[in-house]
PDB file of N, CA and C in Angstrom:
ATOM      1  N   UNK A   1     -42.328 214.949  84.110  1.00  0.00           N
ATOM      2  CA  UNK A   1     -40.674 215.687  83.825  1.00  0.00           C
ATOM      3  C   UNK A   1     -41.002 217.632  83.671  1.00  0.00           C
ATOM      4  N   UNK A   2     -40.161 217.894  84.295  1.00  0.00           N
ATOM      5  CA  UNK A   2     -39.903 219.153  83.701  1.00  0.00           C
ATOM      6  C   UNK A   2     -39.550 219.610  82.398  1.00  0.00           C
ATOM      7  N   UNK A   3     -39.941 220.671  81.634  1.00  0.00           N
ATOM      8  CA  UNK A   3     -39.330 220.837  80.535  1.00  0.00           C
ATOM      9  C   UNK A   3     -38.619 221.961  80.545  1.00  0.00           C
ATOM     10  N   UNK A   4     -37.167 221.802  79.644  1.00  0.00           N
ATOM     11  CA  UNK A   4     -35.965 222.646  79.628  1.00  0.00           C
ATOM     12  C   UNK A   4     -36.551 223.114  78.176  1.00  0.00           C
ATOM     13  N   UNK A   5     -36.255 224.479  78.178  1.00  0.00           N
ATOM     14  CA  UNK A   5     -36.527 225.408  76.518  1.00  0.00           C
ATOM     15  C   UNK A   5     -34.925 226.621  76.832  1.00  0.00           C
ATOM     16  N   UNK A   6     -34.770 226.601  75.404  1.00  0.00           N
ATOM     17  CA  UNK A   6     -33.868 228.075  75.677  1.00  0.00           C
ATOM     18  C   UNK A   6     -34.712 228.786  74.636  1.00  0.00           C
ATOM     19  N   UNK A   7     -33.950 230.096  74.540  1.00  0.00           N
ATOM     20  CA  UNK A   7     -34.781 230.923  73.660  1.00  0.00           C
ATOM     21  C   UNK A   7     -33.440 232.134  73.596  1.00  0.00           C
ATOM     22  N   UNK A   8     -33.273 232.872  72.425  1.00  0.00           N
ATOM     23  CA  UNK A   8     -32.107 233.905  72.083  1.00  0.00           C
ATOM     24  C   UNK A   8     -33.208 235.241  72.746  1.00  0.00           C
ATOM     25  N   UNK A   9     -32.973 235.993  73.350  1.00  0.00           N
ATOM     26  CA  UNK A   9     -33.755 237.226  73.696  1.00  0.00           C
ATOM     27  C   UNK A   9     -32.555 238.403  73.540  1.00  0.00           C
ATOM     28  N   UNK A  10     -33.300 239.644  73.077  1.00  0.00           N
ATOM     29  CA  UNK A  10     -32.386 240.656  73.389  1.00  0.00           C
ATOM     30  C   UNK A  10     -32.610 241.349  74.899  1.00  0.00           C
ATOM     31  N   UNK A  11     -31.870 242.068  75.368  1.00  0.00           N
ATOM     32  CA  UNK A  11     -31.730 242.632  77.105  1.00  0.00           C
ATOM     33  C   UNK A  11     -33.025 243.130  77.120  1.00  0.00           C
ATOM     34  N   UNK A  12     -33.899 244.017  75.918  1.00  0.00           N
ATOM     35  CA  UNK A  12     -35.004 244.793  76.162  1.00  0.00           C
ATOM     36  C   UNK A  12     -35.955 243.608  76.031  1.00  0.00           C
ATOM     37  N   UNK A  13     -36.305 242.367  75.635  1.00  0.00           N
ATOM     38  CA  UNK A  13     -37.445 241.626  75.698  1.00  0.00           C
ATOM     39  C   UNK A  13     -36.799 240.648  77.035  1.00  0.00           C
ATOM     40  N   UNK A  14     -35.484 240.341  77.563  1.00  0.00           N
ATOM     41  CA  UNK A  14     -35.468 239.756  78.612  1.00  0.00           C
ATOM     42  C   UNK A  14     -35.935 240.768  79.759  1.00  0.00           C
ATOM     43  N   UNK A  15     -35.741 241.938  79.951  1.00  0.00           N
ATOM     44  CA  UNK A  15     -36.070 242.585  80.736  1.00  0.00           C
ATOM     45  C   UNK A  15     -37.698 243.649  80.696  1.00  0.00           C
ATOM     46  N   UNK A  16     -38.064 243.161  79.596  1.00  0.00           N
ATOM     47  CA  UNK A  16     -39.369 243.498  79.445  1.00  0.00           C
ATOM     48  C   UNK A  16     -40.477 242.940  80.878  1.00  0.00           C
ATOM     49  N   UNK A  17     -40.701 243.740  81.213  1.00  0.00           N
ATOM     50  CA  UNK A  17     -41.524 243.810  82.639  1.00  0.00           C
ATOM     51  C   UNK A  17     -41.978 242.228  83.387  1.00  0.00           C
ATOM     52  N   UNK A  18     -40.867 241.929  83.471  1.00  0.00           N
ATOM     53  CA  UNK A  18     -40.794 240.883  84.112  1.00  0.00           C
ATOM     54  C   UNK A  18     -39.590 241.219  85.661  1.00  0.00           C
ATOM     55  N   UNK A  19     -39.723 240.480  86.286  1.00  0.00           N
ATOM     56  CA  UNK A  19     -39.201 240.453  87.801  1.00  0.00           C
ATOM     57  C   UNK A  19     -38.436 239.601  87.862  1.00  0.00           C
ATOM     58  N   UNK A  20     -37.322 239.145  88.438  1.00  0.00           N
ATOM     59  CA  UNK A  20     -36.331 238.444  88.606  1.00  0.00           C
ATOM     60  C   UNK A  20     -36.140 238.309  90.204  1.00  0.00           C
ATOM     61  N   UNK A  21     -35.576 237.559  90.659  1.00  0.00           N
ATOM     62  CA  UNK A  21     -35.209 236.763  92.151  1.00  0.00           C
ATOM     63  C   UNK A  21     -33.964 236.286  91.741  1.00  0.00           C
ATOM     64  N   UNK A  22     -33.093 236.289  93.016  1.00  0.00           N
ATOM     65  CA  UNK A  22     -31.928 235.539  93.417  1.00  0.00           C
ATOM     66  C   UNK A  22     -31.750 235.360  94.608  1.00  0.00           C
ATOM     67  N   UNK A  23     -31.856 233.775  94.753  1.00  0.00           N
ATOM     68  CA  UNK A  23     -31.754 233.109  95.940  1.00  0.00           C
ATOM     69  C   UNK A  23     -30.744 233.370  96.836  1.00  0.00           C
ATOM     70  N   UNK A  24     -31.003 233.533  97.819  1.00  0.00           N
ATOM     71  CA  UNK A  24     -30.079 233.497  99.009  1.00  0.00           C
ATOM     72  C   UNK A  24     -28.885 232.813  99.050  1.00  0.00           C
ATOM     73  N   UNK A  25     -28.824 231.460  98.388  1.00  0.00           N
ATOM     74  CA  UNK A  25     -27.767 230.637  97.930  1.00  0.00           C
ATOM     75  C   UNK A  25     -26.843 230.683  97.152  1.00  0.00           C
ATOM     76  N   UNK A  26     -27.571 231.703  96.477  1.00  0.00           N
ATOM     77  CA  UNK A  26     -26.482 231.922  95.077  1.00  0.00           C
ATOM     78  C   UNK A  26     -25.349 232.931  95.598  1.00  0.00           C
ATOM     79  N   UNK A  27     -25.189 233.244  96.937  1.00  0.00           N
ATOM     80  CA  UNK A  27     -24.192 234.289  97.071  1.00  0.00           C
ATOM     81  C   UNK A  27     -24.527 235.711  96.874  1.00  0.00           C
ATOM     82  N   UNK A  28     -23.557 236.352  97.325  1.00  0.00           N
ATOM     83  CA  UNK A  28     -23.572 237.720  97.343  1.00  0.00           C
ATOM     84  C   UNK A  28     -22.860 238.711  95.818  1.00  0.00           C
ATOM     85  N   UNK A  29     -23.010 239.494  95.524  1.00  0.00           N
ATOM     86  CA  UNK A  29     -22.317 240.323  94.132  1.00  0.00           C
ATOM     87  C   UNK A  29     -20.787 240.328  94.511  1.00  0.00           C
ATOM     88  N   UNK A  30     -20.093 239.640  93.571  1.00  0.00           N
ATOM     89  CA  UNK A  30     -18.655 239.643  94.025  1.00  0.00           C
ATOM     90  C   UNK A  30     -17.769 240.102  93.303  1.00  0.00           C
ATOM     91  N   UNK A  31     -18.423 240.485  91.624  1.00  0.00           N
ATOM     92  CA  UNK A  31     -17.587 241.535  90.522  1.00  0.00           C
ATOM     93  C   UNK A  31     -16.926 242.566  91.464  1.00  0.00           C
ATOM     94  N   UNK A  32     -15.573 242.596  90.896  1.00  0.00           N
ATOM     95  CA  UNK A  32     -14.917 243.809  91.648  1.00  0.00           C
ATOM     96  C   UNK A  32     -14.405 244.606  90.306  1.00  0.00           C
ATOM     97  N   UNK A  33     -13.895 245.570  90.622  1.00  0.00           N
ATOM     98  CA  UNK A  33     -13.626 246.418  89.199  1.00  0.00           C
ATOM     99  C   UNK A  33     -12.766 246.078  87.981  1.00  0.00           C
ATOM    100  N   UNK A  34     -12.064 244.952  88.154  1.00  0.00           N
ATOM    101  CA  UNK A  34     -11.724 244.197  87.154  1.00  0.00           C
ATOM    102  C   UNK A  34     -12.411 243.609  86.421  1.00  0.00           C
ATOM    103  N   UNK A  35     -13.736 242.832  86.530  1.00  0.00           N
ATOM    104  CA  UNK A  35     -14.337 242.112  86.051  1.00  0.00           C
ATOM    105  C   UNK A  35     -15.511 243.202  85.492  1.00  0.00           C
ATOM    106  N   UNK A  36     -15.718 244.424  85.823  1.00  0.00           N
ATOM    107  CA  UNK A  36     -16.713 245.237  85.736  1.00  0.00           C
ATOM    108  C   UNK A  36     -15.964 245.774  84.366  1.00  0.00           C
ATOM    109  N   UNK A  37     -14.886 246.216  84.362  1.00  0.00           N
ATOM    110  CA  UNK A  37     -14.057 247.028  83.539  1.00  0.00           C
ATOM    111  C   UNK A  37     -13.926 246.020  82.142  1.00  0.00           C
ATOM    112  N   UNK A  38     -13.582 245.179  82.294  1.00  0.00           N
ATOM    113  CA  UNK A  38     -13.949 243.763  81.289  1.00  0.00           C
ATOM    114  C   UNK A  38     -15.099 243.683  80.242  1.00  0.00           C
ATOM    115  N   UNK A  39     -16.259 243.808  81.562  1.00  0.00           N
ATOM    116  CA  UNK A  39     -17.405 243.657  81.011  1.00  0.00           C
ATOM    117  C   UNK A  39     -17.719 244.561  80.201  1.00  0.00           C
ATOM    118  N   UNK A  40     -17.546 245.961  80.423  1.00  0.00           N
ATOM    119  CA  UNK A  40     -17.654 247.507  79.815  1.00  0.00           C
ATOM    120  C   UNK A  40     -16.748 247.707  78.734  1.00  0.00           C
ATOM    121  N   UNK A  41     -15.582 247.082  78.396  1.00  0.00           N
ATOM    122  CA  UNK A  41     -14.784 246.909  77.329  1.00  0.00           C
ATOM    123  C   UNK A  41     -15.221 245.982  76.071  1.00  0.00           C
ATOM    124  N   UNK A  42     -15.857 244.696  76.538  1.00  0.00           N
ATOM    125  CA  UNK A  42     -16.345 243.561  75.677  1.00  0.00           C
ATOM    126  C   UNK A  42     -17.946 244.319  75.025  1.00  0.00           C
ATOM    127  N   UNK A  43     -18.341 245.026  76.010  1.00  0.00           N
ATOM    128  CA  UNK A  43     -19.377 245.793  75.324  1.00  0.00           C
ATOM    129  C   UNK A  43     -18.977 246.635  74.514  1.00  0.00           C
ATOM    130  N   UNK A  44     -18.328 247.819  74.540  1.00  0.00           N
ATOM    131  CA  UNK A  44     -17.964 248.693  73.942  1.00  0.00           C
ATOM    132  C   UNK A  44     -17.325 247.989  72.767  1.00  0.00           C
ATOM    133  N   UNK A  45     -16.342 247.307  73.125  1.00  0.00           N
ATOM    134  CA  UNK A  45     -15.472 246.941  71.409  1.00  0.00           C
ATOM    135  C   UNK A  45     -16.842 246.273  70.859  1.00  0.00           C
ATOM    136  N   UNK A  46     -17.538 245.884  70.940  1.00  0.00           N
ATOM    137  CA  UNK A  46     -18.567 245.202  70.261  1.00  0.00           C
ATOM    138  C   UNK A  46     -19.540 246.225  69.440  1.00  0.00           C
ATOM    139  N   UNK A  47     -19.897 247.084  70.436  1.00  0.00           N
ATOM    140  CA  UNK A  47     -20.653 248.416  69.937  1.00  0.00           C
ATOM    141  C   UNK A  47     -19.583 249.160  68.464  1.00  0.00           C
ATOM    142  N   UNK A  48     -18.086 249.182  68.790  1.00  0.00           N
ATOM    143  CA  UNK A  48     -17.497 249.973  68.400  1.00  0.00           C
ATOM    144  C   UNK A  48     -16.996 249.239  66.933  1.00  0.00           C
ATOM    145  N   UNK A  49     -17.446 248.058  66.779  1.00  0.00           N
ATOM    146  CA  UNK A  49     -16.974 247.349  65.506  1.00  0.00           C
ATOM    147  C   UNK A  49     -17.626 247.986  64.208  1.00  0.00           C
ATOM    148  N   UNK A  50     -18.868 248.362  64.529  1.00  0.00           N
ATOM    149  CA  UNK A  50     -19.811 248.796  63.933  1.00  0.00           C
ATOM    150  C   UNK A  50     -20.082 250.810  63.751  1.00  0.00           C
ATOM    151  N   UNK A  51     -19.852 251.163  64.625  1.00  0.00           N
ATOM    152  CA  UNK A  51     -20.352 252.411  64.878  1.00  0.00           C
ATOM    153  C   UNK A  51     -19.371 253.507  63.969  1.00  0.00           C
ATOM    154  N   UNK A  52     -20.053 254.411  63.641  1.00  0.00           N
ATOM    155  CA  UNK A  52     -19.496 255.249  62.524  1.00  0.00           C
ATOM    156  C   UNK A  52     -20.120 256.547  63.440  1.00  0.00           C
ATOM    157  N   UNK A  53     -19.432 257.772  63.342  1.00  0.00           N
ATOM    158  CA  UNK A  53     -20.077 258.987  63.850  1.00  0.00           C
ATOM    159  C   UNK A  53     -21.210 259.888  63.054  1.00  0.00           C
ATOM    160  N   UNK A  54     -20.886 259.611  62.146  1.00  0.00           N
ATOM    161  CA  UNK A  54     -22.176 259.669  61.102  1.00  0.00           C
ATOM    162  C   UNK A  54     -23.565 259.351  60.968  1.00  0.00           C
ATOM    163  N   UNK A  55     -23.568 258.095  61.805  1.00  0.00           N
ATOM    164  CA  UNK A  55     -24.808 257.454  61.639  1.00  0.00           C
ATOM    165  C   UNK A  55     -25.738 257.821  62.339  1.00  0.00           C
ATOM    166  N   UNK A  56     -27.183 257.893  62.140  1.00  0.00           N
ATOM    167  CA  UNK A  56     -28.219 258.000  63.152  1.00  0.00           C
ATOM    168  C   UNK A  56     -28.256 257.576  64.265  1.00  0.00           C
ATOM    169  N   UNK A  57     -28.770 258.026  65.444  1.00  0.00           N
ATOM    170  CA  UNK A  57     -28.832 256.925  66.530  1.00  0.00           C
ATOM    171  C   UNK A  57     -30.074 256.009  66.343  1.00  0.00           C
ATOM    172  N   UNK A  58     -30.919 256.465  65.635  1.00  0.00           N
ATOM    173  CA  UNK A  58     -31.979 254.715  65.531  1.00  0.00           C
ATOM    174  C   UNK A  58     -31.557 253.964  64.363  1.00  0.00           C
ATOM    175  N   UNK A  59     -30.017 253.893  63.934  1.00  0.00           N
ATOM    176  CA  UNK A  59     -29.441 253.145  63.443  1.00  0.00           C
ATOM    177  C   UNK A  59     -28.896 252.263  64.099  1.00  0.00           C
ATOM    178  N   UNK A  60     -28.773 252.665  64.982  1.00  0.00           N
ATOM    179  CA  UNK A  60     -27.976 251.702  66.300  1.00  0.00           C
ATOM    180  C   UNK A  60     -28.825 250.456  66.621  1.00  0.00           C
ATOM    181  N   UNK A  61     -29.953 250.398  66.387  1.00  0.00           N
ATOM    182  CA  UNK A  61     -30.417 248.998  66.570  1.00  0.00           C
ATOM    183  C   UNK A  61     -30.205 247.937  65.134  1.00  0.00           C
ATOM    184  N   UNK A  62     -29.635 248.850  64.576  1.00  0.00           N
ATOM    185  CA  UNK A  62     -29.552 247.891  63.209  1.00  0.00           C
ATOM    186  C   UNK A  62     -28.207 247.179  63.605  1.00  0.00           C
ATOM    187  N   UNK A  63     -27.490 247.254  64.578  1.00  0.00           N
ATOM    188  CA  UNK A  63     -25.931 247.210  64.807  1.00  0.00           C
ATOM    189  C   UNK A  63     -25.921 245.337  65.415  1.00  0.00           C
ATOM    190  N   UNK A  64     -25.071 244.607  65.115  1.00  0.00           N
ATOM    191  CA  UNK A  64     -25.121 243.151  65.680  1.00  0.00           C
ATOM    192  C   UNK A  64     -24.827 243.066  66.913  1.00  0.00           C
ATOM    193  N   UNK A  65     -25.359 241.840  67.314  1.00  0.00           N
ATOM    194  CA  UNK A  65     -26.244 241.535  68.626  1.00  0.00           C
ATOM    195  C   UNK A  65     -24.501 241.049  69.567  1.00  0.00           C
ATOM    196  N   UNK A  66     -24.498 241.456  70.773  1.00  0.00           N
ATOM    197  CA  UNK A  66     -23.639 241.070  71.380  1.00  0.00           C
ATOM    198  C   UNK A  66     -24.325 240.118  72.637  1.00  0.00           C
ATOM    199  N   UNK A  67     -23.264 238.861  72.579  1.00  0.00           N
ATOM    200  CA  UNK A  67     -23.779 237.683  73.285  1.00  0.00           C
ATOM    201  C   UNK A  67     -23.069 237.892  74.979  1.00  0.00           C
ATOM    202  N   UNK A  68     -24.019 237.815  75.816  1.00  0.00           N
ATOM    203  CA  UNK A  68     -23.788 237.937  77.062  1.00  0.00           C
ATOM    204  C   UNK A  68     -23.439 236.912  77.963  1.00  0.00           C
ATOM    205  N   UNK A  69     -23.325 235.581  77.367  1.00  0.00           N
ATOM    206  CA  UNK A  69     -23.756 234.304  77.873  1.00  0.00           C
ATOM    207  C   UNK A  69     -25.033 234.038  78.012  1.00  0.00           C
ATOM    208  N   UNK A  70     -25.251 233.123  78.944  1.00  0.00           N
ATOM    209  CA  UNK A  70     -26.588 232.353  79.145  1.00  0.00           C
ATOM    210  C   UNK A  70     -27.257 232.902  80.446  1.00  0.00           C
ATOM    211  N   UNK A  71     -27.956 232.982  80.334  1.00  0.00           N
ATOM    212  CA  UNK A  71     -28.959 233.460  81.908  1.00  0.00           C
ATOM    213  C   UNK A  71     -29.721 232.184  82.212  1.00  0.00           C
ATOM    214  N   UNK A  72     -29.705 231.420  83.258  1.00  0.00           N
ATOM    215  CA  UNK A  72     -30.423 230.541  83.929  1.00  0.00           C
ATOM    216  C   UNK A  72     -31.507 230.817  84.280  1.00  0.00           C
ATOM    217  N   UNK A  73     -32.854 230.801  84.011  1.00  0.00           N
ATOM    218  CA  UNK A  73     -34.226 230.884  84.833  1.00  0.00           C
ATOM    219  C   UNK A  73     -34.775 230.159  85.294  1.00  0.00           C
ATOM    220  N   UNK A  74     -34.870 230.019  86.765  1.00  0.00           N
ATOM    221  CA  UNK A  74     -36.092 228.629  87.117  1.00  0.00           C
ATOM    222  C   UNK A  74     -37.235 229.285  87.290  1.00  0.00           C
ATOM    223  N   UNK A  75     -38.498 229.014  86.787  1.00  0.00           N
ATOM    224  CA  UNK A  75     -39.561 229.748  87.152  1.00  0.00           C
ATOM    225  C   UNK A  75     -40.493 228.752  88.111  1.00  0.00           C
ATOM    226  N   UNK A  76     -40.804 228.980  89.576  1.00  0.00           N
ATOM    227  CA  UNK A  76     -41.432 228.491  90.373  1.00  0.00           C
ATOM    228  C   UNK A  76     -42.434 229.472  91.068  1.00  0.00           C
ATOM    229  N   UNK A  77     -43.557 229.199  91.272  1.00  0.00           N
ATOM    230  CA  UNK A  77     -44.546 230.030  91.437  1.00  0.00           C
ATOM    231  C   UNK A  77     -44.939 231.597  90.996  1.00  0.00           C
ATOM    232  N   UNK A  78     -44.511 231.392  89.715  1.00  0.00           N
ATOM    233  CA  UNK A  78     -44.593 232.277  89.123  1.00  0.00           C
ATOM    234  C   UNK A  78     -43.369 233.371  89.627  1.00  0.00           C
ATOM    235  N   UNK A  79     -42.754 233.028  89.903  1.00  0.00           N
ATOM    236  CA  UNK A  79     -41.267 233.642  90.444  1.00  0.00           C
ATOM    237  C   UNK A  79     -40.253 233.081  89.644  1.00  0.00           C
ATOM    238  N   UNK A  80     -39.388 234.083  88.581  1.00  0.00           N
ATOM    239  CA  UNK A  80     -38.360 233.806  87.676  1.00  0.00           C
ATOM    240  C   UNK A  80     -37.090 233.877  88.464  1.00  0.00           C
ATOM    241  N   UNK A  81     -36.492 232.758  89.017  1.00  0.00           N
ATOM    242  CA  UNK A  81     -35.284 232.446  89.671  1.00  0.00           C
ATOM    243  C   UNK A  81     -34.020 232.918  88.880  1.00  0.00           C
ATOM    244  N   UNK A  82     -33.200 233.501  89.209  1.00  0.00           N
ATOM    245  CA  UNK A  82     -31.946 233.305  88.467  1.00  0.00           C
ATOM    246  C   UNK A  82     -31.020 232.455  88.910  1.00  0.00           C
ATOM    247  N   UNK A  83     -30.661 231.643  88.404  1.00  0.00           N
ATOM    248  CA  UNK A  83     -29.535 230.458  88.895  1.00  0.00           C
ATOM    249  C   UNK A  83     -28.270 230.658  88.408  1.00  0.00           C
ATOM    250  N   UNK A  84     -27.995 231.482  87.121  1.00  0.00           N
ATOM    251  CA  UNK A  84     -26.703 231.470  86.681  1.00  0.00           C
ATOM    252  C   UNK A  84     -27.118 232.528  85.869  1.00  0.00           C
ATOM    253  N   UNK A  85     -25.818 233.645  85.963  1.00  0.00           N
ATOM    254  CA  UNK A  85     -25.909 234.533  85.238  1.00  0.00           C
ATOM    255  C   UNK A  85     -26.204 235.931  86.236  1.00  0.00           C
ATOM    256  N   UNK A  86     -26.686 235.732  87.054  1.00  0.00           N
ATOM    257  CA  UNK A  86     -26.717 237.113  87.975  1.00  0.00           C
ATOM    258  C   UNK A  86     -25.600 238.054  88.534  1.00  0.00           C
ATOM    259  N   UNK A  87     -24.455 237.441  88.259  1.00  0.00           N
ATOM    260  CA  UNK A  87     -23.356 238.475  88.285  1.00  0.00           C
ATOM    261  C   UNK A  87     -23.714 239.806  87.213  1.00  0.00           C
ATOM    262  N   UNK A  88     -23.642 239.028  85.699  1.00  0.00           N
ATOM    263  CA  UNK A  88     -23.856 239.728  84.558  1.00  0.00           C
ATOM    264  C   UNK A  88     -25.152 240.646  84.467  1.00  0.00           C
ATOM    265  N   UNK A  89     -26.271 239.951  84.955  1.00  0.00           N
ATOM    266  CA  UNK A  89     -27.567 240.642  84.668  1.00  0.00           C
ATOM    267  C   UNK A  89     -27.719 241.862  86.195  1.00  0.00           C
ATOM    268  N   UNK A  90     -26.829 241.868  87.111  1.00  0.00           N
ATOM    269  CA  UNK A  90     -26.791 242.532  87.958  1.00  0.00           C
ATOM    270  C   UNK A  90     -25.696 244.120  87.647  1.00  0.00           C
ATOM    271  N   UNK A  91     -24.800 243.367  86.697  1.00  0.00           N
ATOM    272  CA  UNK A  91     -23.625 244.613  86.758  1.00  0.00           C
ATOM    273  C   UNK A  91     -24.413 245.461  85.223  1.00  0.00           C
ATOM    274  N   UNK A  92     -25.047 244.841  84.566  1.00  0.00           N
ATOM    275  CA  UNK A  92     -25.787 245.162  82.867  1.00  0.00           C
ATOM    276  C   UNK A  92     -27.017 246.235  83.838  1.00  0.00           C
ATOM    277  N   UNK A  93     -27.455 245.679  84.923  1.00  0.00           N
ATOM    278  CA  UNK A  93     -28.788 246.676  85.297  1.00  0.00           C
ATOM    279  C   UNK A  93     -28.150 247.963  85.962  1.00  0.00           C
ATOM    280  N   UNK A  94     -27.014 247.767  86.809  1.00  0.00           N
ATOM    281  CA  UNK A  94     -26.224 248.809  87.466  1.00  0.00           C
ATOM    282  C   UNK A  94     -25.841 249.901  86.042  1.00  0.00           C
ATOM    283  N   UNK A  95     -25.358 249.145  84.727  1.00  0.00           N
ATOM    284  CA  UNK A  95     -24.768 250.041  83.781  1.00  0.00           C
ATOM    285  C   UNK A  95     -25.927 250.861  83.192  1.00  0.00           C
ATOM    286  N   UNK A  96     -26.725 250.284  82.969  1.00  0.00           N
ATOM    287  CA  UNK A  96     -27.931 250.741  82.387  1.00  0.00           C
ATOM    288  C   UNK A  96     -28.575 251.862  83.258  1.00  0.00           C
ATOM    289  N   UNK A  97     -28.627 251.836  84.688  1.00  0.00           N
ATOM    290  CA  UNK A  97     -29.043 252.575  85.610  1.00  0.00           C
ATOM    291  C   UNK A  97     -28.287 253.725  85.407  1.00  0.00           C
ATOM    292  N   UNK A  98     -27.023 253.852  85.472  1.00  0.00           N
ATOM    293  CA  UNK A  98     -25.897 254.840  85.040  1.00  0.00           C
ATOM    294  C   UNK A  98     -25.895 255.685  84.254  1.00  0.00           C
ATOM    295  N   UNK A  99     -26.102 254.966  82.752  1.00  0.00           N
ATOM    296  CA  UNK A  99     -26.369 255.781  81.127  1.00  0.00           C
ATOM    297  C   UNK A  99     -27.655 256.214  81.442  1.00  0.00           C
ATOM    298  N   UNK A 100     -28.605 255.796  82.231  1.00  0.00           N
ATOM    299  CA  UNK A 100     -30.314 256.677  82.198  1.00  0.00           C
ATOM    300  C   UNK A 100     -30.029 257.786  82.836  1.00  0.00           C
ATOM    301  N   UNK A 101     -29.423 257.990  84.216  1.00  0.00           N
ATOM    302  CA  UNK A 101     -28.890 258.538  84.970  1.00  0.00           C
ATOM    303  C   UNK A 101     -28.287 259.961  84.348  1.00  0.00           C
ATOM    304  N   UNK A 102     -26.973 259.329  83.629  1.00  0.00           N
ATOM    305  CA  UNK A 102     -26.499 260.425  82.678  1.00  0.00           C
ATOM    306  C   UNK A 102     -27.098 261.209  81.910  1.00  0.00           C
ATOM    307  N   UNK A 103     -28.108 260.782  81.151  1.00  0.00           N
ATOM    308  CA  UNK A 103     -28.936 260.974  80.147  1.00  0.00           C
ATOM    309  C   UNK A 103     -30.080 262.171  80.730  1.00  0.00           C
ATOM    310  N   UNK A 104     -30.476 261.613  81.872  1.00  0.00           N
ATOM    311  CA  UNK A 104     -31.414 262.571  82.794  1.00  0.00           C
ATOM    312  C   UNK A 104     -31.244 263.820  82.267  1.00  0.00           C
ATOM    313  N   UNK A 105     -30.260 264.717  82.336  1.00  0.00           N
ATOM    314  CA  UNK A 105     -30.154 266.254  82.032  1.00  0.00           C
ATOM    315  C   UNK A 105     -30.067 266.775  80.811  1.00  0.00           C
ATOM    316  N   UNK A 106     -29.740 265.851  80.013  1.00  0.00           N
ATOM    317  CA  UNK A 106     -29.762 266.009  78.426  1.00  0.00           C
ATOM    318  C   UNK A 106     -30.974 266.427  77.623  1.00  0.00           C
ATOM    319  N   UNK A 107     -31.160 267.230  76.872  1.00  0.00           N
ATOM    320  CA  UNK A 107     -32.154 267.803  76.301  1.00  0.00           C
ATOM    321  C   UNK A 107     -32.531 266.587  75.746  1.00  0.00           C
ATOM    322  N   UNK A 108     -33.920 266.401  75.407  1.00  0.00           N
ATOM    323  CA  UNK A 108     -34.120 264.960  74.721  1.00  0.00           C
ATOM    324  C   UNK A 108     -33.875 265.165  73.397  1.00  0.00           C
ATOM    325  N   UNK A 109     -33.959 265.823  72.720  1.00  0.00           N
ATOM    326  CA  UNK A 109     -33.016 266.007  71.422  1.00  0.00           C
ATOM    327  C   UNK A 109     -31.839 265.799  71.322  1.00  0.00           C
ATOM    328  N   UNK A 110     -30.715 265.692  72.547  1.00  0.00           N
ATOM    329  CA  UNK A 110     -29.460 265.017  72.472  1.00  0.00           C
ATOM    330  C   UNK A 110     -29.516 264.137  73.012  1.00  0.00           C
ATOM    331  N   UNK A 111     -30.644 263.219  73.535  1.00  0.00           N
ATOM    332  CA  UNK A 111     -30.507 262.070  74.047  1.00  0.00           C
ATOM    333  C   UNK A 111     -29.924 260.680  73.019  1.00  0.00           C
ATOM    334  N   UNK A 112     -29.085 259.934  73.889  1.00  0.00           N
ATOM    335  CA  UNK A 112     -28.993 258.859  72.796  1.00  0.00           C
ATOM    336  C   UNK A 112     -30.194 257.552  73.428  1.00  0.00           C
ATOM    337  N   UNK A 113     -30.335 256.691  72.409  1.00  0.00           N
ATOM    338  CA  UNK A 113     -31.204 255.771  72.504  1.00  0.00           C
ATOM    339  C   UNK A 113     -31.178 255.338  74.067  1.00  0.00           C
TER     340      UNK A 113
END
């Protein structure tokens, strides 16, 4: 019998040196501007609950966690297959890439974590 387990992870832990695969039967990426806007608004509102302009940037790691929903992963032949959560995961990765690119030209001392 296969073992089913769950674990709460931060995004850093979830993405740390792990590759994920989305099977063809999961379908194409379907989120439109409305879903992206809602996703970003949810993240921003959770962040702004604790944000104070005078907080040092290293204090952001103490902010409350934001529940992104569950991601269901099925591991087979050392491949982590995303069964549920692929739209959120893809959107989050695209957002992180955008933020990294926006920070790229900032001097190191002005960068946000």
